[in-house]
Amino acid sequence: MRALILYSSTGKLDELVKGLESGLRSVGYDVQLMEAAAALSTPAVSAGRYDLICVGSPAEGLFGGSIAADVNAAIKHFSRLQGRPCAAFVKARLIGSSRSLRTLMEAMESQGAWVQDFAAVGTPADAYRLGRRLQSVQQL
């Protein structure tokens, strides 16, 4: 099974992404990492070659509710995202994580993604547990 982790280059997500990657690998996924800014510098990225797409963003805005602009643009840059099993995650913070998570899921679902799991993750261990949990997503 192949998974893609698309994440923002802002918000210091590197450690969370590594935790998620480890969790996914531990349950048998072959994982590719892609920064959102890098995705935008290529022709449209096809989601069709992945069994699972994970998208991560920092929670942005004074009280949350916003996601990173590079992630929002990269989601729109994907092709064949319709019906693809996906997961969304944001970097947890005291206020606004759930609002940002809803915004991220709405952006993904507006492109046809099938968001099956989501989380506000605060530590690499939380991200690892999310990755392990994603073993149970339904494949097409």
N, C-alpha and C. Protein backbone atom coordinates (compact mmCIF):
# COMPACT_ATOMS: atom_id res chain seq x y z
N MET A 1 0.85 -1.17 0.00
CA MET A 1 0.00 0.00 0.00
C MET A 1 0.89 1.24 0.00
N ARG A 2 0.46 2.24 -0.73
CA ARG A 2 1.23 3.47 -0.85
C ARG A 2 0.48 4.62 -0.20
N ALA A 3 1.22 5.43 0.55
CA ALA A 3 0.64 6.61 1.20
C ALA A 3 1.47 7.83 0.87
N LEU A 4 0.78 8.96 0.77
CA LEU A 4 1.43 10.25 0.57
C LEU A 4 1.11 11.12 1.77
N ILE A 5 2.13 11.75 2.32
CA ILE A 5 1.91 12.76 3.37
C ILE A 5 2.25 14.11 2.75
N LEU A 6 1.23 14.92 2.56
CA LEU A 6 1.37 16.28 2.04
C LEU A 6 1.29 17.22 3.23
N TYR A 7 2.28 18.08 3.40
CA TYR A 7 2.30 18.92 4.59
C TYR A 7 2.85 20.30 4.28
N SER A 8 2.49 21.25 5.12
CA SER A 8 2.92 22.62 4.96
C SER A 8 4.38 22.78 5.35
N SER A 9 5.07 23.65 4.63
CA SER A 9 6.45 23.95 4.97
C SER A 9 6.51 24.99 6.10
N THR A 10 5.35 25.53 6.48
CA THR A 10 5.28 26.46 7.60
C THR A 10 4.80 25.73 8.84
N GLY A 11 5.00 26.30 9.98
CA GLY A 11 4.42 25.76 11.20
C GLY A 11 5.19 24.66 11.89
N LYS A 12 6.42 24.38 11.45
CA LYS A 12 7.27 23.39 12.12
C LYS A 12 6.59 22.03 12.29
N LEU A 13 6.16 21.46 11.19
CA LEU A 13 5.49 20.17 11.21
C LEU A 13 6.43 18.98 11.05
N ASP A 14 7.72 19.21 10.84
CA ASP A 14 8.65 18.14 10.51
C ASP A 14 8.62 16.97 11.48
N GLU A 15 8.65 17.22 12.77
CA GLU A 15 8.67 16.13 13.75
C GLU A 15 7.35 15.36 13.74
N LEU A 16 6.24 16.06 13.55
CA LEU A 16 4.95 15.38 13.49
C LEU A 16 4.86 14.51 12.23
N VAL A 17 5.37 15.03 11.13
CA VAL A 17 5.36 14.28 9.88
C VAL A 17 6.20 13.01 10.02
N LYS A 18 7.36 13.11 10.67
CA LYS A 18 8.20 11.93 10.88
C LYS A 18 7.49 10.90 11.76
N GLY A 19 6.77 11.36 12.78
CA GLY A 19 6.01 10.44 13.62
C GLY A 19 4.91 9.74 12.84
N LEU A 20 4.18 10.50 12.01
CA LEU A 20 3.12 9.91 11.18
C LEU A 20 3.72 8.92 10.19
N GLU A 21 4.83 9.30 9.58
CA GLU A 21 5.50 8.41 8.63
C GLU A 21 5.88 7.09 9.31
N SER A 22 6.44 7.15 10.49
CA SER A 22 6.82 5.94 11.23
C SER A 22 5.61 5.07 11.54
N GLY A 23 4.53 5.70 11.96
CA GLY A 23 3.31 4.94 12.25
C GLY A 23 2.75 4.25 11.02
N LEU A 24 2.75 4.95 9.90
CA LEU A 24 2.26 4.34 8.66
C LEU A 24 3.16 3.20 8.20
N ARG A 25 4.46 3.39 8.29
CA ARG A 25 5.40 2.33 7.90
C ARG A 25 5.24 1.10 8.79
N SER A 26 4.94 1.32 10.07
CA SER A 26 4.81 0.19 10.99
C SER A 26 3.62 -0.71 10.67
N VAL A 27 2.65 -0.20 9.91
CA VAL A 27 1.49 -1.00 9.53
C VAL A 27 1.52 -1.38 8.05
N GLY A 28 2.68 -1.20 7.40
CA GLY A 28 2.86 -1.72 6.06
C GLY A 28 2.78 -0.75 4.90
N TYR A 29 2.64 0.54 5.15
CA TYR A 29 2.57 1.50 4.06
C TYR A 29 3.97 1.85 3.55
N ASP A 30 4.08 2.03 2.25
CA ASP A 30 5.25 2.64 1.62
C ASP A 30 4.91 4.13 1.56
N VAL A 31 5.69 4.98 2.22
CA VAL A 31 5.31 6.37 2.42
C VAL A 31 6.18 7.32 1.60
N GLN A 32 5.53 8.29 0.96
CA GLN A 32 6.23 9.37 0.28
C GLN A 32 5.85 10.68 0.97
N LEU A 33 6.84 11.52 1.24
CA LEU A 33 6.61 12.83 1.84
C LEU A 33 6.66 13.89 0.76
N MET A 34 5.79 14.90 0.88
CA MET A 34 5.80 15.99 -0.10
C MET A 34 5.39 17.29 0.59
N GLU A 35 6.29 18.27 0.57
CA GLU A 35 5.93 19.59 1.07
C GLU A 35 4.96 20.23 0.09
N ALA A 36 4.00 20.95 0.62
CA ALA A 36 2.98 21.58 -0.22
C ALA A 36 3.59 22.52 -1.24
N ALA A 37 4.60 23.27 -0.85
CA ALA A 37 5.24 24.20 -1.79
C ALA A 37 5.88 23.45 -2.96
N ALA A 38 6.46 22.30 -2.69
CA ALA A 38 7.06 21.49 -3.75
C ALA A 38 5.99 20.94 -4.70
N ALA A 39 4.85 20.57 -4.14
CA ALA A 39 3.76 20.06 -4.98
C ALA A 39 3.29 21.12 -5.96
N LEU A 40 3.33 22.37 -5.54
CA LEU A 40 2.87 23.45 -6.40
C LEU A 40 3.84 23.77 -7.53
N SER A 41 5.09 23.35 -7.39
CA SER A 41 6.08 23.64 -8.42
C SER A 41 6.15 22.56 -9.49
N THR A 42 5.28 21.57 -9.40
CA THR A 42 5.24 20.48 -10.38
C THR A 42 3.91 20.53 -11.14
N PRO A 43 3.81 19.79 -12.24
CA PRO A 43 2.50 19.66 -12.87
C PRO A 43 1.53 19.02 -11.87
N ALA A 44 0.28 19.03 -12.17
CA ALA A 44 -0.73 18.49 -11.25
C ALA A 44 -0.30 17.13 -10.71
N VAL A 45 -0.40 16.96 -9.40
CA VAL A 45 -0.02 15.71 -8.73
C VAL A 45 -1.21 14.77 -8.78
N SER A 46 -0.99 13.55 -9.25
CA SER A 46 -2.08 12.58 -9.34
C SER A 46 -2.17 11.80 -8.04
N ALA A 47 -3.35 11.84 -7.42
CA ALA A 47 -3.59 11.07 -6.20
C ALA A 47 -3.88 9.61 -6.52
N GLY A 48 -4.08 9.31 -7.80
CA GLY A 48 -4.48 7.97 -8.21
C GLY A 48 -3.48 6.88 -7.89
N ARG A 49 -2.22 7.21 -7.70
CA ARG A 49 -1.22 6.17 -7.43
C ARG A 49 -1.05 5.88 -5.94
N TYR A 50 -1.85 6.55 -5.10
CA TYR A 50 -1.75 6.35 -3.65
C TYR A 50 -3.02 5.70 -3.10
N ASP A 51 -2.84 4.84 -2.13
CA ASP A 51 -3.98 4.22 -1.45
C ASP A 51 -4.51 5.11 -0.33
N LEU A 52 -3.68 6.03 0.13
CA LEU A 52 -4.04 6.92 1.23
C LEU A 52 -3.30 8.23 1.07
N ILE A 53 -4.00 9.35 1.28
CA ILE A 53 -3.40 10.68 1.26
C ILE A 53 -3.61 11.29 2.64
N CYS A 54 -2.52 11.70 3.28
CA CYS A 54 -2.59 12.41 4.56
C CYS A 54 -2.17 13.85 4.33
N VAL A 55 -2.95 14.79 4.84
CA VAL A 55 -2.65 16.21 4.63
C VAL A 55 -2.54 16.88 5.99
N GLY A 56 -1.43 17.64 6.19
CA GLY A 56 -1.19 18.29 7.46
C GLY A 56 -0.92 19.77 7.32
N SER A 57 -1.40 20.52 8.31
CA SER A 57 -1.23 21.97 8.32
C SER A 57 -1.12 22.45 9.76
N PRO A 58 -0.43 23.56 9.97
CA PRO A 58 -0.53 24.17 11.29
C PRO A 58 -1.90 24.85 11.42
N ALA A 59 -2.38 24.96 12.64
CA ALA A 59 -3.59 25.73 12.89
C ALA A 59 -3.18 27.20 12.84
N GLU A 60 -3.80 27.98 11.98
CA GLU A 60 -3.40 29.37 11.82
C GLU A 60 -4.54 30.31 12.16
N GLY A 61 -4.21 31.56 12.32
CA GLY A 61 -5.18 32.57 12.71
C GLY A 61 -5.14 32.77 14.21
N LEU A 62 -5.58 33.92 14.66
CA LEU A 62 -5.53 34.27 16.07
C LEU A 62 -6.26 33.25 16.94
N PHE A 63 -7.44 32.85 16.52
CA PHE A 63 -8.21 31.84 17.26
C PHE A 63 -8.38 30.56 16.45
N GLY A 64 -7.46 30.30 15.56
CA GLY A 64 -7.55 29.11 14.72
C GLY A 64 -8.59 29.30 13.63
N GLY A 65 -8.91 28.23 12.98
CA GLY A 65 -9.91 28.28 11.93
C GLY A 65 -9.32 28.41 10.54
N SER A 66 -8.04 28.71 10.46
CA SER A 66 -7.39 28.84 9.16
C SER A 66 -6.33 27.75 9.00
N ILE A 67 -5.99 27.47 7.75
CA ILE A 67 -4.92 26.53 7.46
C ILE A 67 -3.87 27.24 6.61
N ALA A 68 -2.71 26.64 6.48
CA ALA A 68 -1.62 27.24 5.72
C ALA A 68 -2.03 27.41 4.25
N ALA A 69 -1.66 28.55 3.69
CA ALA A 69 -2.02 28.86 2.31
C ALA A 69 -1.41 27.86 1.33
N ASP A 70 -0.18 27.39 1.61
CA ASP A 70 0.44 26.44 0.68
C ASP A 70 -0.30 25.11 0.64
N VAL A 71 -0.84 24.68 1.77
CA VAL A 71 -1.61 23.43 1.82
C VAL A 71 -2.93 23.60 1.08
N ASN A 72 -3.59 24.71 1.30
CA ASN A 72 -4.87 24.97 0.63
C ASN A 72 -4.68 24.97 -0.89
N ALA A 73 -3.62 25.61 -1.36
CA ALA A 73 -3.36 25.65 -2.81
C ALA A 73 -2.96 24.27 -3.33
N ALA A 74 -2.17 23.53 -2.57
CA ALA A 74 -1.72 22.20 -3.02
C ALA A 74 -2.89 21.22 -3.14
N ILE A 75 -3.85 21.31 -2.24
CA ILE A 75 -5.03 20.44 -2.31
C ILE A 75 -5.75 20.67 -3.64
N LYS A 76 -5.86 21.91 -4.04
CA LYS A 76 -6.53 22.24 -5.30
C LYS A 76 -5.70 21.83 -6.52
N HIS A 77 -4.42 21.60 -6.32
CA HIS A 77 -3.49 21.25 -7.38
C HIS A 77 -3.52 19.75 -7.72
N PHE A 78 -4.16 18.95 -6.87
CA PHE A 78 -4.22 17.50 -7.07
C PHE A 78 -5.22 17.13 -8.14
N SER A 79 -4.92 16.06 -8.85
CA SER A 79 -5.90 15.46 -9.76
C SER A 79 -6.26 14.08 -9.20
N ARG A 80 -7.40 13.58 -9.57
CA ARG A 80 -7.88 12.25 -9.17
C ARG A 80 -8.00 12.09 -7.65
N LEU A 81 -8.36 13.16 -6.97
CA LEU A 81 -8.55 13.09 -5.51
C LEU A 81 -9.96 12.62 -5.16
N GLN A 82 -10.87 12.64 -6.11
CA GLN A 82 -12.26 12.27 -5.88
C GLN A 82 -12.36 10.83 -5.37
N GLY A 83 -12.97 10.67 -4.20
CA GLY A 83 -13.21 9.35 -3.63
C GLY A 83 -11.99 8.69 -3.03
N ARG A 84 -10.86 9.36 -3.03
CA ARG A 84 -9.61 8.78 -2.50
C ARG A 84 -9.64 8.82 -0.97
N PRO A 85 -9.32 7.70 -0.30
CA PRO A 85 -9.26 7.70 1.17
C PRO A 85 -8.18 8.67 1.67
N CYS A 86 -8.55 9.52 2.60
CA CYS A 86 -7.65 10.56 3.10
C CYS A 86 -7.75 10.70 4.62
N ALA A 87 -6.74 11.33 5.17
CA ALA A 87 -6.72 11.70 6.59
C ALA A 87 -6.22 13.13 6.69
N ALA A 88 -6.72 13.86 7.66
CA ALA A 88 -6.33 15.25 7.87
C ALA A 88 -5.75 15.39 9.27
N PHE A 89 -4.70 16.20 9.39
CA PHE A 89 -4.18 16.50 10.72
C PHE A 89 -3.66 17.93 10.79
N VAL A 90 -3.82 18.52 11.95
CA VAL A 90 -3.27 19.84 12.23
C VAL A 90 -2.39 19.75 13.46
N LYS A 91 -1.45 20.67 13.55
CA LYS A 91 -0.61 20.76 14.74
C LYS A 91 -1.45 21.37 15.85
N ALA A 92 -1.59 20.62 16.93
CA ALA A 92 -2.45 21.05 18.03
C ALA A 92 -1.90 22.30 18.71
N ARG A 93 -2.81 23.13 19.14
CA ARG A 93 -2.48 24.28 19.96
C ARG A 93 -3.62 24.51 20.94
N LEU A 94 -3.43 25.38 21.88
CA LEU A 94 -4.40 25.56 22.96
C LEU A 94 -5.78 25.97 22.45
N ILE A 95 -5.81 26.91 21.52
CA ILE A 95 -7.10 27.41 21.01
C ILE A 95 -7.10 27.34 19.49
N GLY A 96 -8.16 26.80 18.92
CA GLY A 96 -8.37 26.88 17.49
C GLY A 96 -8.03 25.65 16.67
N SER A 97 -7.50 24.60 17.30
CA SER A 97 -7.11 23.41 16.53
C SER A 97 -8.31 22.78 15.84
N SER A 98 -9.42 22.64 16.57
CA SER A 98 -10.57 21.95 15.95
C SER A 98 -11.17 22.77 14.82
N ARG A 99 -11.16 24.07 14.95
CA ARG A 99 -11.68 24.91 13.86
C ARG A 99 -10.79 24.78 12.61
N SER A 100 -9.48 24.78 12.82
CA SER A 100 -8.56 24.62 11.68
C SER A 100 -8.69 23.24 11.06
N LEU A 101 -8.90 22.24 11.89
CA LEU A 101 -9.08 20.88 11.39
C LEU A 101 -10.33 20.79 10.52
N ARG A 102 -11.41 21.42 10.96
CA ARG A 102 -12.63 21.45 10.14
C ARG A 102 -12.39 22.17 8.81
N THR A 103 -11.65 23.27 8.85
CA THR A 103 -11.33 24.00 7.62
C THR A 103 -10.52 23.14 6.65
N LEU A 104 -9.55 22.40 7.20
CA LEU A 104 -8.74 21.52 6.36
C LEU A 104 -9.59 20.41 5.75
N MET A 105 -10.45 19.80 6.54
CA MET A 105 -11.31 18.73 6.01
C MET A 105 -12.26 19.27 4.95
N GLU A 106 -12.79 20.46 5.16
CA GLU A 106 -13.68 21.06 4.16
C GLU A 106 -12.94 21.32 2.85
N ALA A 107 -11.69 21.79 2.95
CA ALA A 107 -10.90 22.03 1.73
C ALA A 107 -10.66 20.72 0.99
N MET A 108 -10.37 19.66 1.72
CA MET A 108 -10.14 18.35 1.09
C MET A 108 -11.42 17.81 0.48
N GLU A 109 -12.51 17.88 1.23
CA GLU A 109 -13.78 17.33 0.74
C GLU A 109 -14.33 18.13 -0.44
N SER A 110 -14.01 19.42 -0.51
CA SER A 110 -14.48 20.21 -1.65
C SER A 110 -13.82 19.75 -2.95
N GLN A 111 -12.71 19.05 -2.85
CA GLN A 111 -12.03 18.48 -4.02
C GLN A 111 -12.40 17.02 -4.23
N GLY A 112 -13.35 16.51 -3.42
CA GLY A 112 -13.84 15.15 -3.60
C GLY A 112 -13.15 14.11 -2.74
N ALA A 113 -12.22 14.52 -1.88
CA ALA A 113 -11.52 13.56 -1.02
C ALA A 113 -12.49 12.91 -0.04
N TRP A 114 -12.20 11.68 0.32
CA TRP A 114 -13.00 10.93 1.27
C TRP A 114 -12.22 10.91 2.59
N VAL A 115 -12.45 11.90 3.45
CA VAL A 115 -11.72 12.03 4.70
C VAL A 115 -12.27 11.00 5.69
N GLN A 116 -11.44 10.01 5.99
CA GLN A 116 -11.87 8.91 6.85
C GLN A 116 -11.38 9.04 8.29
N ASP A 117 -10.34 9.84 8.51
CA ASP A 117 -9.84 10.02 9.87
C ASP A 117 -9.21 11.41 9.96
N PHE A 118 -9.13 11.93 11.17
CA PHE A 118 -8.59 13.27 11.38
C PHE A 118 -8.15 13.40 12.83
N ALA A 119 -7.21 14.32 13.06
CA ALA A 119 -6.73 14.53 14.43
C ALA A 119 -5.97 15.85 14.53
N ALA A 120 -6.02 16.42 15.73
CA ALA A 120 -5.11 17.51 16.10
C ALA A 120 -4.00 16.83 16.88
N VAL A 121 -2.79 16.86 16.36
CA VAL A 121 -1.67 16.14 16.98
C VAL A 121 -0.68 17.13 17.57
N GLY A 122 -0.23 16.83 18.78
CA GLY A 122 0.66 17.74 19.47
C GLY A 122 2.09 17.24 19.58
N THR A 123 2.27 15.93 19.51
CA THR A 123 3.60 15.35 19.67
C THR A 123 3.84 14.31 18.58
N PRO A 124 5.11 13.97 18.33
CA PRO A 124 5.39 12.90 17.37
C PRO A 124 4.73 11.57 17.78
N ALA A 125 4.59 11.33 19.09
CA ALA A 125 3.92 10.10 19.55
C ALA A 125 2.45 10.10 19.15
N ASP A 126 1.79 11.27 19.25
CA ASP A 126 0.39 11.37 18.79
C ASP A 126 0.30 11.08 17.30
N ALA A 127 1.24 11.63 16.53
CA ALA A 127 1.25 11.42 15.08
C ALA A 127 1.50 9.95 14.75
N TYR A 128 2.38 9.30 15.50
CA TYR A 128 2.66 7.88 15.30
C TYR A 128 1.38 7.06 15.53
N ARG A 129 0.65 7.38 16.59
CA ARG A 129 -0.60 6.65 16.89
C ARG A 129 -1.63 6.87 15.77
N LEU A 130 -1.69 8.09 15.24
CA LEU A 130 -2.60 8.35 14.11
C LEU A 130 -2.21 7.47 12.93
N GLY A 131 -0.91 7.39 12.63
CA GLY A 131 -0.45 6.56 11.52
C GLY A 131 -0.83 5.10 11.70
N ARG A 132 -0.69 4.58 12.89
CA ARG A 132 -1.08 3.19 13.16
C ARG A 132 -2.58 3.00 13.01
N ARG A 133 -3.33 3.99 13.46
CA ARG A 133 -4.80 3.92 13.36
C ARG A 133 -5.26 3.89 11.91
N LEU A 134 -4.48 4.49 11.01
CA LEU A 134 -4.88 4.58 9.61
C LEU A 134 -4.79 3.24 8.88
N GLN A 135 -4.33 2.23 9.56
CA GLN A 135 -4.32 0.88 8.97
C GLN A 135 -5.74 0.45 8.62
N SER A 136 -6.70 0.97 9.34
CA SER A 136 -8.08 0.52 9.17
C SER A 136 -8.90 1.32 8.16
N VAL A 137 -8.27 2.26 7.42
CA VAL A 137 -9.06 3.02 6.44
C VAL A 137 -9.55 2.09 5.34
N GLN A 138 -10.72 2.39 4.84
CA GLN A 138 -11.32 1.56 3.78
C GLN A 138 -10.71 1.94 2.45
N GLN A 139 -10.25 0.96 1.74
CA GLN A 139 -9.70 1.17 0.41
C GLN A 139 -10.80 1.01 -0.62
N LEU A 140 -10.62 1.67 -1.75
CA LEU A 140 -11.59 1.57 -2.84
C LEU A 140 -11.53 0.23 -3.50
